[in-house]
Amino acid sequence: MLSSFGPMVPDKAKALFAAGLKRDYEGMIRLQHYFRDLGAVLFGPLRGETRIDGAYDKILVRLGGFEAMPLRLLSPYHGFSEAQYQACKQRLQQHYPDGVI
């Protein structure tokens, strides 16, 4: 799991950590599937893009409530565009209309 998911779904991130401490394998697998599905919803259309992990992390942190997070990266790297971020945000709202739970 990317720690960048933490600001967006802090309760789920803490639950995964706690499940690991308790060796609750069933809970860990259930939460791992949750994070896998959430990542697929957000980043599925971006999978063909060649970006470093930091580009994805910035989208996650911004979706987690830090709207001031810039999407740009220092050269030679390329971040995602504002339009790509807005599309991720729209997919999140479409698939999780009551917020990420």
N, C-alpha and C. Protein backbone atom coordinates (compact mmCIF):
# COMPACT_ATOMS: atom_id res chain seq x y z
N MET A 1 0.84 -1.18 0.00
CA MET A 1 0.00 0.00 0.00
C MET A 1 0.88 1.23 0.00
N LEU A 2 0.52 2.20 -0.78
CA LEU A 2 1.22 3.46 -0.77
C LEU A 2 0.82 4.25 0.47
N SER A 3 1.80 4.77 1.19
CA SER A 3 1.46 5.58 2.35
C SER A 3 0.74 6.85 1.93
N SER A 4 0.83 7.20 0.66
CA SER A 4 0.14 8.39 0.16
C SER A 4 -1.37 8.26 0.24
N PHE A 5 -1.89 7.04 0.33
CA PHE A 5 -3.33 6.86 0.50
C PHE A 5 -3.78 7.35 1.88
N GLY A 6 -2.87 7.44 2.83
CA GLY A 6 -3.18 7.79 4.21
C GLY A 6 -4.03 9.03 4.39
N PRO A 7 -3.67 10.17 3.78
CA PRO A 7 -4.49 11.37 3.97
C PRO A 7 -5.90 11.24 3.39
N MET A 8 -6.04 10.41 2.36
CA MET A 8 -7.34 10.28 1.71
C MET A 8 -8.25 9.33 2.48
N VAL A 9 -7.68 8.26 3.01
CA VAL A 9 -8.45 7.25 3.75
C VAL A 9 -7.69 6.86 5.02
N PRO A 10 -7.55 7.80 5.96
CA PRO A 10 -6.73 7.51 7.14
C PRO A 10 -7.23 6.33 7.97
N ASP A 11 -8.54 6.18 8.08
CA ASP A 11 -9.06 5.06 8.88
C ASP A 11 -8.71 3.71 8.26
N LYS A 12 -8.77 3.63 6.94
CA LYS A 12 -8.43 2.38 6.25
C LYS A 12 -6.92 2.10 6.37
N ALA A 13 -6.10 3.13 6.25
CA ALA A 13 -4.65 2.95 6.37
C ALA A 13 -4.29 2.47 7.78
N LYS A 14 -4.90 3.07 8.79
CA LYS A 14 -4.64 2.66 10.18
C LYS A 14 -5.16 1.24 10.42
N ALA A 15 -6.29 0.91 9.83
CA ALA A 15 -6.86 -0.43 9.99
C ALA A 15 -5.95 -1.48 9.37
N LEU A 16 -5.34 -1.17 8.23
CA LEU A 16 -4.43 -2.12 7.60
C LEU A 16 -3.20 -2.33 8.47
N PHE A 17 -2.67 -1.26 9.02
CA PHE A 17 -1.51 -1.36 9.91
C PHE A 17 -1.86 -2.19 11.15
N ALA A 18 -3.01 -1.91 11.73
CA ALA A 18 -3.45 -2.65 12.93
C ALA A 18 -3.66 -4.13 12.61
N ALA A 19 -4.23 -4.42 11.44
CA ALA A 19 -4.43 -5.82 11.05
C ALA A 19 -3.10 -6.53 10.91
N GLY A 20 -2.11 -5.84 10.38
CA GLY A 20 -0.79 -6.42 10.26
C GLY A 20 -0.17 -6.71 11.62
N LEU A 21 -0.33 -5.77 12.55
CA LEU A 21 0.20 -5.99 13.90
C LEU A 21 -0.44 -7.19 14.58
N LYS A 22 -1.74 -7.37 14.34
CA LYS A 22 -2.48 -8.48 14.96
C LYS A 22 -2.35 -9.78 14.16
N ARG A 23 -1.68 -9.71 13.03
CA ARG A 23 -1.58 -10.85 12.11
C ARG A 23 -2.97 -11.34 11.68
N ASP A 24 -3.84 -10.37 11.47
CA ASP A 24 -5.21 -10.63 10.99
C ASP A 24 -5.15 -10.71 9.47
N TYR A 25 -4.80 -11.89 8.96
CA TYR A 25 -4.57 -12.04 7.52
C TYR A 25 -5.84 -11.82 6.71
N GLU A 26 -6.97 -12.25 7.22
CA GLU A 26 -8.23 -12.03 6.51
C GLU A 26 -8.52 -10.54 6.39
N GLY A 27 -8.33 -9.80 7.47
CA GLY A 27 -8.53 -8.36 7.44
C GLY A 27 -7.53 -7.66 6.53
N MET A 28 -6.29 -8.13 6.54
CA MET A 28 -5.27 -7.54 5.68
C MET A 28 -5.62 -7.73 4.21
N ILE A 29 -6.07 -8.91 3.86
CA ILE A 29 -6.41 -9.19 2.47
C ILE A 29 -7.63 -8.37 2.04
N ARG A 30 -8.63 -8.28 2.92
CA ARG A 30 -9.83 -7.48 2.61
C ARG A 30 -9.44 -6.02 2.36
N LEU A 31 -8.57 -5.47 3.22
CA LEU A 31 -8.15 -4.08 3.05
C LEU A 31 -7.23 -3.90 1.84
N GLN A 32 -6.42 -4.90 1.58
CA GLN A 32 -5.56 -4.83 0.39
C GLN A 32 -6.42 -4.76 -0.86
N HIS A 33 -7.50 -5.53 -0.90
CA HIS A 33 -8.42 -5.48 -2.04
C HIS A 33 -9.08 -4.11 -2.15
N TYR A 34 -9.43 -3.53 -1.01
CA TYR A 34 -10.01 -2.20 -1.00
C TYR A 34 -9.05 -1.19 -1.65
N PHE A 35 -7.78 -1.21 -1.23
CA PHE A 35 -6.80 -0.27 -1.78
C PHE A 35 -6.53 -0.55 -3.25
N ARG A 36 -6.50 -1.82 -3.63
CA ARG A 36 -6.31 -2.17 -5.04
C ARG A 36 -7.45 -1.61 -5.88
N ASP A 37 -8.69 -1.80 -5.42
CA ASP A 37 -9.86 -1.32 -6.15
C ASP A 37 -9.89 0.20 -6.22
N LEU A 38 -9.55 0.85 -5.12
CA LEU A 38 -9.51 2.31 -5.10
C LEU A 38 -8.47 2.83 -6.09
N GLY A 39 -7.29 2.21 -6.10
CA GLY A 39 -6.24 2.61 -7.04
C GLY A 39 -6.66 2.39 -8.48
N ALA A 40 -7.38 1.31 -8.74
CA ALA A 40 -7.85 1.03 -10.11
C ALA A 40 -8.86 2.08 -10.56
N VAL A 41 -9.75 2.48 -9.66
CA VAL A 41 -10.73 3.52 -9.99
C VAL A 41 -10.01 4.83 -10.32
N LEU A 42 -9.08 5.21 -9.47
CA LEU A 42 -8.40 6.49 -9.66
C LEU A 42 -7.46 6.50 -10.85
N PHE A 43 -6.63 5.46 -10.95
CA PHE A 43 -5.52 5.50 -11.89
C PHE A 43 -5.66 4.60 -13.10
N GLY A 44 -6.76 3.85 -13.20
CA GLY A 44 -6.94 2.96 -14.34
C GLY A 44 -6.67 3.63 -15.68
N PRO A 45 -7.31 4.77 -15.96
CA PRO A 45 -7.09 5.43 -17.25
C PRO A 45 -5.68 6.02 -17.42
N LEU A 46 -4.93 6.13 -16.33
CA LEU A 46 -3.58 6.71 -16.41
C LEU A 46 -2.49 5.66 -16.53
N ARG A 47 -2.86 4.40 -16.54
CA ARG A 47 -1.86 3.32 -16.50
C ARG A 47 -0.88 3.35 -17.66
N GLY A 48 -1.27 3.85 -18.80
CA GLY A 48 -0.36 3.91 -19.94
C GLY A 48 0.65 5.04 -19.85
N GLU A 49 0.47 5.93 -18.90
CA GLU A 49 1.36 7.07 -18.75
C GLU A 49 2.67 6.61 -18.09
N THR A 50 3.76 7.20 -18.52
CA THR A 50 5.04 6.88 -17.89
C THR A 50 5.40 8.02 -16.93
N ARG A 51 5.06 7.80 -15.68
CA ARG A 51 5.32 8.78 -14.63
C ARG A 51 5.99 8.09 -13.45
N ILE A 52 6.76 8.85 -12.70
CA ILE A 52 7.36 8.29 -11.50
C ILE A 52 6.30 8.26 -10.40
N ASP A 53 6.57 7.47 -9.37
CA ASP A 53 5.60 7.31 -8.27
C ASP A 53 5.18 8.65 -7.67
N GLY A 54 6.09 9.60 -7.60
CA GLY A 54 5.78 10.89 -7.01
C GLY A 54 4.65 11.61 -7.70
N ALA A 55 4.48 11.40 -8.99
CA ALA A 55 3.38 12.03 -9.73
C ALA A 55 2.04 11.50 -9.22
N TYR A 56 1.98 10.19 -8.98
CA TYR A 56 0.76 9.58 -8.45
C TYR A 56 0.53 10.01 -7.00
N ASP A 57 1.62 10.07 -6.24
CA ASP A 57 1.53 10.48 -4.83
C ASP A 57 0.92 11.87 -4.71
N LYS A 58 1.30 12.77 -5.60
CA LYS A 58 0.78 14.14 -5.53
C LYS A 58 -0.73 14.17 -5.77
N ILE A 59 -1.22 13.34 -6.67
CA ILE A 59 -2.66 13.27 -6.89
C ILE A 59 -3.35 12.75 -5.64
N LEU A 60 -2.80 11.71 -5.03
CA LEU A 60 -3.41 11.13 -3.83
C LEU A 60 -3.45 12.13 -2.68
N VAL A 61 -2.36 12.84 -2.47
CA VAL A 61 -2.31 13.82 -1.39
C VAL A 61 -3.30 14.95 -1.65
N ARG A 62 -3.39 15.38 -2.90
CA ARG A 62 -4.34 16.44 -3.24
C ARG A 62 -5.78 15.97 -3.04
N LEU A 63 -6.07 14.73 -3.44
CA LEU A 63 -7.41 14.18 -3.22
C LEU A 63 -7.70 14.00 -1.74
N GLY A 64 -6.64 13.87 -0.95
CA GLY A 64 -6.80 13.72 0.49
C GLY A 64 -7.10 15.01 1.22
N GLY A 65 -7.22 16.10 0.50
CA GLY A 65 -7.62 17.36 1.13
C GLY A 65 -6.60 18.47 1.05
N PHE A 66 -5.40 18.20 0.57
CA PHE A 66 -4.38 19.24 0.46
C PHE A 66 -4.42 19.80 -0.95
N GLU A 67 -5.44 20.63 -1.21
CA GLU A 67 -5.69 21.16 -2.55
C GLU A 67 -4.55 22.03 -3.08
N ALA A 68 -3.71 22.54 -2.20
CA ALA A 68 -2.61 23.38 -2.65
C ALA A 68 -1.43 22.57 -3.21
N MET A 69 -1.51 21.24 -3.14
CA MET A 69 -0.42 20.40 -3.64
C MET A 69 -0.24 20.63 -5.14
N PRO A 70 0.95 21.11 -5.54
CA PRO A 70 1.18 21.28 -6.97
C PRO A 70 1.38 19.93 -7.64
N LEU A 71 0.98 19.83 -8.88
CA LEU A 71 1.13 18.58 -9.61
C LEU A 71 2.47 18.50 -10.35
N ARG A 72 3.14 19.62 -10.48
CA ARG A 72 4.37 19.65 -11.25
C ARG A 72 5.50 18.93 -10.51
N LEU A 73 6.45 18.46 -11.28
CA LEU A 73 7.65 17.83 -10.77
C LEU A 73 8.86 18.53 -11.38
N LEU A 74 9.99 18.42 -10.73
CA LEU A 74 11.20 19.02 -11.26
C LEU A 74 11.69 18.24 -12.47
N SER A 75 12.30 18.94 -13.41
CA SER A 75 12.86 18.34 -14.59
C SER A 75 13.93 17.31 -14.17
N PRO A 76 13.99 16.21 -14.81
CA PRO A 76 13.43 15.81 -16.10
C PRO A 76 12.09 15.10 -15.98
N TYR A 77 11.46 15.12 -14.82
CA TYR A 77 10.22 14.36 -14.60
C TYR A 77 9.01 15.18 -15.00
N HIS A 78 7.91 14.48 -15.26
CA HIS A 78 6.67 15.12 -15.67
C HIS A 78 5.55 14.67 -14.76
N GLY A 79 4.83 15.64 -14.22
CA GLY A 79 3.66 15.33 -13.40
C GLY A 79 2.43 15.20 -14.28
N PHE A 80 1.32 15.00 -13.64
CA PHE A 80 0.06 14.92 -14.37
C PHE A 80 -0.51 16.33 -14.53
N SER A 81 -1.36 16.48 -15.51
CA SER A 81 -1.98 17.78 -15.78
C SER A 81 -3.16 18.01 -14.83
N GLU A 82 -3.58 19.24 -14.79
CA GLU A 82 -4.76 19.59 -14.00
C GLU A 82 -5.99 18.83 -14.51
N ALA A 83 -6.09 18.68 -15.82
CA ALA A 83 -7.22 17.94 -16.41
C ALA A 83 -7.20 16.48 -15.97
N GLN A 84 -6.03 15.88 -15.93
CA GLN A 84 -5.93 14.49 -15.47
C GLN A 84 -6.30 14.37 -14.00
N TYR A 85 -5.88 15.34 -13.19
CA TYR A 85 -6.26 15.34 -11.78
C TYR A 85 -7.77 15.47 -11.64
N GLN A 86 -8.37 16.39 -12.37
CA GLN A 86 -9.81 16.60 -12.28
C GLN A 86 -10.58 15.35 -12.70
N ALA A 87 -10.05 14.62 -13.69
CA ALA A 87 -10.68 13.37 -14.12
C ALA A 87 -10.61 12.33 -13.01
N CYS A 88 -9.47 12.25 -12.31
CA CYS A 88 -9.34 11.34 -11.16
C CYS A 88 -10.35 11.71 -10.08
N LYS A 89 -10.45 12.99 -9.81
CA LYS A 89 -11.38 13.48 -8.78
C LYS A 89 -12.82 13.15 -9.17
N GLN A 90 -13.15 13.31 -10.44
CA GLN A 90 -14.49 13.00 -10.92
C GLN A 90 -14.78 11.50 -10.78
N ARG A 91 -13.80 10.65 -11.11
CA ARG A 91 -13.99 9.20 -10.95
C ARG A 91 -14.18 8.84 -9.49
N LEU A 92 -13.44 9.50 -8.62
CA LEU A 92 -13.59 9.25 -7.19
C LEU A 92 -15.00 9.61 -6.73
N GLN A 93 -15.48 10.77 -7.15
CA GLN A 93 -16.83 11.20 -6.77
C GLN A 93 -17.90 10.31 -7.38
N GLN A 94 -17.65 9.81 -8.57
CA GLN A 94 -18.62 8.95 -9.25
C GLN A 94 -18.71 7.58 -8.56
N HIS A 95 -17.57 7.01 -8.21
CA HIS A 95 -17.55 5.67 -7.64
C HIS A 95 -17.71 5.65 -6.11
N TYR A 96 -17.43 6.78 -5.50
CA TYR A 96 -17.57 6.91 -4.03
C TYR A 96 -18.33 8.21 -3.73
N PRO A 97 -19.61 8.28 -4.10
CA PRO A 97 -20.36 9.53 -3.96
C PRO A 97 -20.49 10.02 -2.52
N ASP A 98 -20.40 9.12 -1.56
CA ASP A 98 -20.50 9.53 -0.16
C ASP A 98 -19.14 9.71 0.48
N GLY A 99 -18.11 9.80 -0.33
CA GLY A 99 -16.75 9.92 0.17
C GLY A 99 -16.10 8.54 0.19
N VAL A 100 -14.81 8.56 0.28
CA VAL A 100 -14.05 7.30 0.31
C VAL A 100 -14.23 6.71 1.68
N ILE A 101 -14.81 5.52 1.73
CA ILE A 101 -15.07 4.89 3.03
C ILE A 101 -14.27 3.60 3.18
